Amino acid sequence: MRRFSWSLTAFSFTRIRFEIVIRFSQNRPFPAFAQMCVKPRLCRRRHNLGYTFRGRTVLGRQSLFIGFNPAMSTKATKAVSQKIRAWHLSRRSGTDLSDLAREINPQVRGWIGYYGAFYRSRLYLIALRIDQHLVRWPMQKYKRLRGRPERAWAWLEAVRQRQPALFAHWHLIARAPGRPVGAR
């Protein structure tokens, strides 16, 4: 049986590209960072290029283990959230939904491509935040939806079912058809 260990050796950053070069050797039974994270006092967070490297539960070949893996950092999440707020989607009642999609989709695709390379689940909250801002748009545009967020959510869900590829972030969150469990 071959035994490998790996160590993080280099970061290469060119525009929206993030590479981790991993060097394998045969002198240790498991990855060096995974060994560090088994002991809580040695497991430290490292921040680099919008990612946080820390001990995370990983599904291995046989069982779960703790690996030193990257995911979108809290600082990057806050920066993305501020950018979403700065779009002021609810104030654009003069435009239609396809124009909004045309404006925000390139940025959202970039975030999904960059931050979604590792731990895509960290992007679910960003997708939900975009939807929360999108729901405010029909509430400002259509009188029948003003002050009725439940109807605005239903309207947005209907648009999503009619045009599932309209917004780039809609494929991240799978919606279950029908009502949630326990709803009356």
Protein backbone atom coordinates (compact mmCIF):
# COMPACT_ATOMS: atom_id res chain seq x y z
CA MET A 1 0.00 0.00 0.00
CA ARG A 2 1.39 3.41 -0.96
CA ARG A 3 1.35 6.03 1.74
CA PHE A 4 1.31 9.67 0.72
CA SER A 5 1.58 12.96 2.50
CA TRP A 6 0.97 16.29 0.91
CA SER A 7 1.87 19.82 1.74
CA LEU A 8 0.77 23.14 0.38
CA THR A 9 3.74 24.50 -1.53
CA ALA A 10 2.68 27.38 -3.75
CA PHE A 11 -0.07 29.82 -4.55
CA SER A 12 -0.48 31.18 -8.04
CA PHE A 13 -2.88 34.05 -8.52
CA THR A 14 -3.68 35.36 -11.97
CA ARG A 15 -6.89 37.34 -12.26
CA ILE A 16 -9.57 34.86 -11.20
CA ARG A 17 -7.45 31.73 -10.99
CA PHE A 18 -6.34 30.00 -7.83
CA GLU A 19 -4.01 27.03 -7.93
CA ILE A 20 -2.73 24.85 -5.16
CA VAL A 21 0.36 22.88 -5.97
CA ILE A 22 0.51 19.70 -3.92
CA ARG A 23 3.71 17.74 -3.50
CA PHE A 24 3.44 14.02 -2.73
CA SER A 25 5.99 12.00 -0.84
CA GLN A 26 6.00 8.49 0.55
CA ASN A 27 7.31 9.12 4.03
CA ARG A 28 4.10 9.79 6.02
CA PRO A 29 0.90 7.83 6.49
CA PHE A 30 -1.54 10.69 5.91
CA PRO A 31 -1.60 14.34 4.88
CA ALA A 32 0.43 16.60 7.14
CA PHE A 33 -2.33 19.18 7.50
CA ALA A 34 -4.88 16.52 8.41
CA GLN A 35 -2.53 15.40 11.19
CA MET A 36 -2.27 18.97 12.44
CA CYS A 37 -6.04 19.39 12.58
CA VAL A 38 -6.61 16.24 14.61
CA LYS A 39 -5.07 18.15 17.52
CA PRO A 40 -7.30 21.22 18.11
CA ARG A 41 -4.57 23.40 19.57
CA LEU A 42 -2.49 22.99 16.41
CA CYS A 43 -5.33 23.59 13.97
CA ARG A 44 -5.08 27.21 12.87
CA ARG A 45 -6.96 29.14 10.25
CA ARG A 46 -5.07 30.60 7.37
CA HIS A 47 -6.50 33.29 5.11
CA ASN A 48 -5.35 33.81 1.56
CA LEU A 49 -6.94 35.22 -1.61
CA GLY A 50 -10.49 35.22 -0.23
CA TYR A 51 -10.24 31.66 1.10
CA THR A 52 -9.94 30.40 4.65
CA PHE A 53 -7.96 27.22 5.14
CA ARG A 54 -9.01 25.37 8.28
CA GLY A 55 -9.91 21.95 9.51
CA ARG A 56 -13.14 20.75 7.87
CA THR A 57 -14.92 17.45 7.85
CA VAL A 58 -14.23 15.64 4.58
CA LEU A 59 -15.73 12.43 3.24
CA GLY A 60 -12.86 10.06 2.47
CA ARG A 61 -12.85 6.68 0.79
CA GLN A 62 -13.77 4.81 3.96
CA SER A 63 -15.01 7.38 6.45
CA LEU A 64 -15.08 11.02 7.47
CA PHE A 65 -11.85 12.72 8.44
CA ILE A 66 -10.67 16.23 9.19
CA GLY A 67 -8.79 17.86 6.34
CA PHE A 68 -7.17 21.28 6.05
CA ASN A 69 -9.30 22.57 3.18
CA PRO A 70 -10.15 25.97 1.67
CA ALA A 71 -13.55 27.66 1.53
CA MET A 72 -14.83 31.18 1.01
CA SER A 73 -13.65 33.33 3.91
CA THR A 74 -15.94 35.36 6.14
CA LYS A 75 -14.23 38.54 4.98
CA ALA A 76 -14.90 37.66 1.32
CA THR A 77 -18.53 36.78 2.15
CA LYS A 78 -19.01 40.21 3.70
CA ALA A 79 -17.41 41.92 0.70
CA VAL A 80 -19.69 40.05 -1.70
CA SER A 81 -22.73 40.89 0.44
CA GLN A 82 -21.79 44.58 0.39
CA LYS A 83 -21.46 44.42 -3.40
CA ILE A 84 -24.94 42.88 -3.65
CA ARG A 85 -26.33 45.65 -1.46
CA ALA A 86 -24.57 48.26 -3.61
CA TRP A 87 -26.47 47.04 -6.69
CA HIS A 88 -29.67 48.62 -5.25
CA LEU A 89 -31.87 46.17 -7.14
CA SER A 90 -35.10 47.36 -5.52
CA ARG A 91 -34.54 50.88 -6.86
CA ARG A 92 -34.41 49.72 -10.49
CA SER A 93 -38.14 49.48 -11.03
CA GLY A 94 -37.77 51.03 -14.49
CA THR A 95 -36.00 47.96 -15.84
CA ASP A 96 -37.31 44.47 -16.45
CA LEU A 97 -36.06 41.23 -14.91
CA SER A 98 -34.04 40.14 -17.94
CA ASP A 99 -32.09 43.43 -17.83
CA LEU A 100 -31.31 42.86 -14.15
CA ALA A 101 -30.14 39.35 -14.98
CA ARG A 102 -27.97 40.66 -17.82
CA GLU A 103 -26.31 43.15 -15.45
CA ILE A 104 -25.63 40.92 -12.43
CA ASN A 105 -25.02 37.50 -14.03
CA PRO A 106 -21.40 38.12 -15.12
CA GLN A 107 -20.38 39.02 -11.57
CA VAL A 108 -22.32 36.16 -10.01
CA ARG A 109 -20.80 33.68 -12.48
CA GLY A 110 -17.36 34.99 -11.55
CA TRP A 111 -18.04 34.48 -7.83
CA ILE A 112 -19.40 30.98 -8.46
CA GLY A 113 -16.38 30.08 -10.58
CA TYR A 114 -13.84 31.49 -8.12
CA TYR A 115 -15.31 30.75 -4.70
CA GLY A 116 -17.22 27.66 -5.82
CA ALA A 117 -14.06 25.74 -6.69
CA PHE A 118 -13.91 24.50 -3.08
CA TYR A 119 -16.86 24.01 -0.72
CA ARG A 120 -19.61 25.22 -3.00
CA SER A 121 -22.02 25.07 -0.09
CA ARG A 122 -20.56 28.32 1.25
CA LEU A 123 -22.20 30.05 -1.73
CA TYR A 124 -25.74 29.00 -0.76
CA LEU A 125 -26.08 31.97 1.60
CA ILE A 126 -24.87 34.34 -1.13
CA ALA A 127 -27.49 32.91 -3.53
CA LEU A 128 -30.18 33.35 -0.89
CA ARG A 129 -29.04 36.95 -0.29
CA ILE A 130 -29.34 37.71 -4.01
CA ASP A 131 -32.85 36.22 -4.00
CA GLN A 132 -33.78 38.36 -1.00
CA HIS A 133 -32.77 41.46 -2.92
CA LEU A 134 -34.52 40.22 -6.06
CA VAL A 135 -37.78 39.80 -4.10
CA ARG A 136 -37.71 43.50 -3.21
CA TRP A 137 -37.64 44.41 -6.90
CA PRO A 138 -41.20 43.22 -7.79
CA MET A 139 -42.48 44.67 -4.51
CA GLN A 140 -41.38 48.10 -5.79
CA LYS A 141 -42.38 47.55 -9.41
CA TYR A 142 -45.85 46.02 -9.06
CA LYS A 143 -48.55 47.53 -6.86
CA ARG A 144 -50.22 44.20 -6.21
CA LEU A 145 -47.01 42.95 -4.52
CA ARG A 146 -46.27 45.99 -2.35
CA GLY A 147 -46.08 45.07 1.30
CA ARG A 148 -46.66 41.39 0.50
CA PRO A 149 -43.35 39.55 0.64
CA GLU A 150 -45.00 36.10 0.59
CA ARG A 151 -46.63 36.89 -2.75
CA ALA A 152 -43.38 38.39 -4.03
CA TRP A 153 -41.53 35.15 -3.12
CA ALA A 154 -44.25 33.15 -4.88
CA TRP A 155 -43.93 35.42 -7.93
CA LEU A 156 -40.14 34.96 -8.00
CA GLU A 157 -40.54 31.18 -7.64
CA ALA A 158 -42.98 31.16 -10.56
CA VAL A 159 -40.46 33.10 -12.67
CA ARG A 160 -37.79 30.64 -11.62
CA GLN A 161 -39.89 27.69 -12.74
CA ARG A 162 -40.68 29.35 -16.09
CA GLN A 163 -37.08 30.49 -16.76
CA PRO A 164 -34.69 28.43 -14.62
CA ALA A 165 -31.58 29.75 -16.37
CA LEU A 166 -32.44 33.45 -16.07
CA PHE A 167 -30.14 34.10 -13.11
CA ALA A 168 -26.76 32.40 -12.74
CA HIS A 169 -27.15 31.61 -9.04
CA TRP A 170 -30.45 29.73 -9.34
CA HIS A 171 -28.77 26.42 -10.12
CA LEU A 172 -26.94 26.48 -6.75
CA ILE A 173 -30.06 25.96 -4.64
CA ALA A 174 -32.40 23.12 -5.48
CA ARG A 175 -36.00 23.99 -4.73
CA ALA A 176 -38.37 21.26 -3.70
CA PRO A 177 -41.71 21.40 -5.51
CA GLY A 178 -44.76 22.01 -3.36
CA ARG A 179 -44.94 23.18 0.20
CA PRO A 180 -42.26 22.63 2.82
CA VAL A 181 -42.67 19.73 5.21
CA GLY A 182 -44.99 20.58 8.08
CA ALA A 183 -46.68 23.51 6.30
CA ARG A 184 -50.43 23.72 6.38
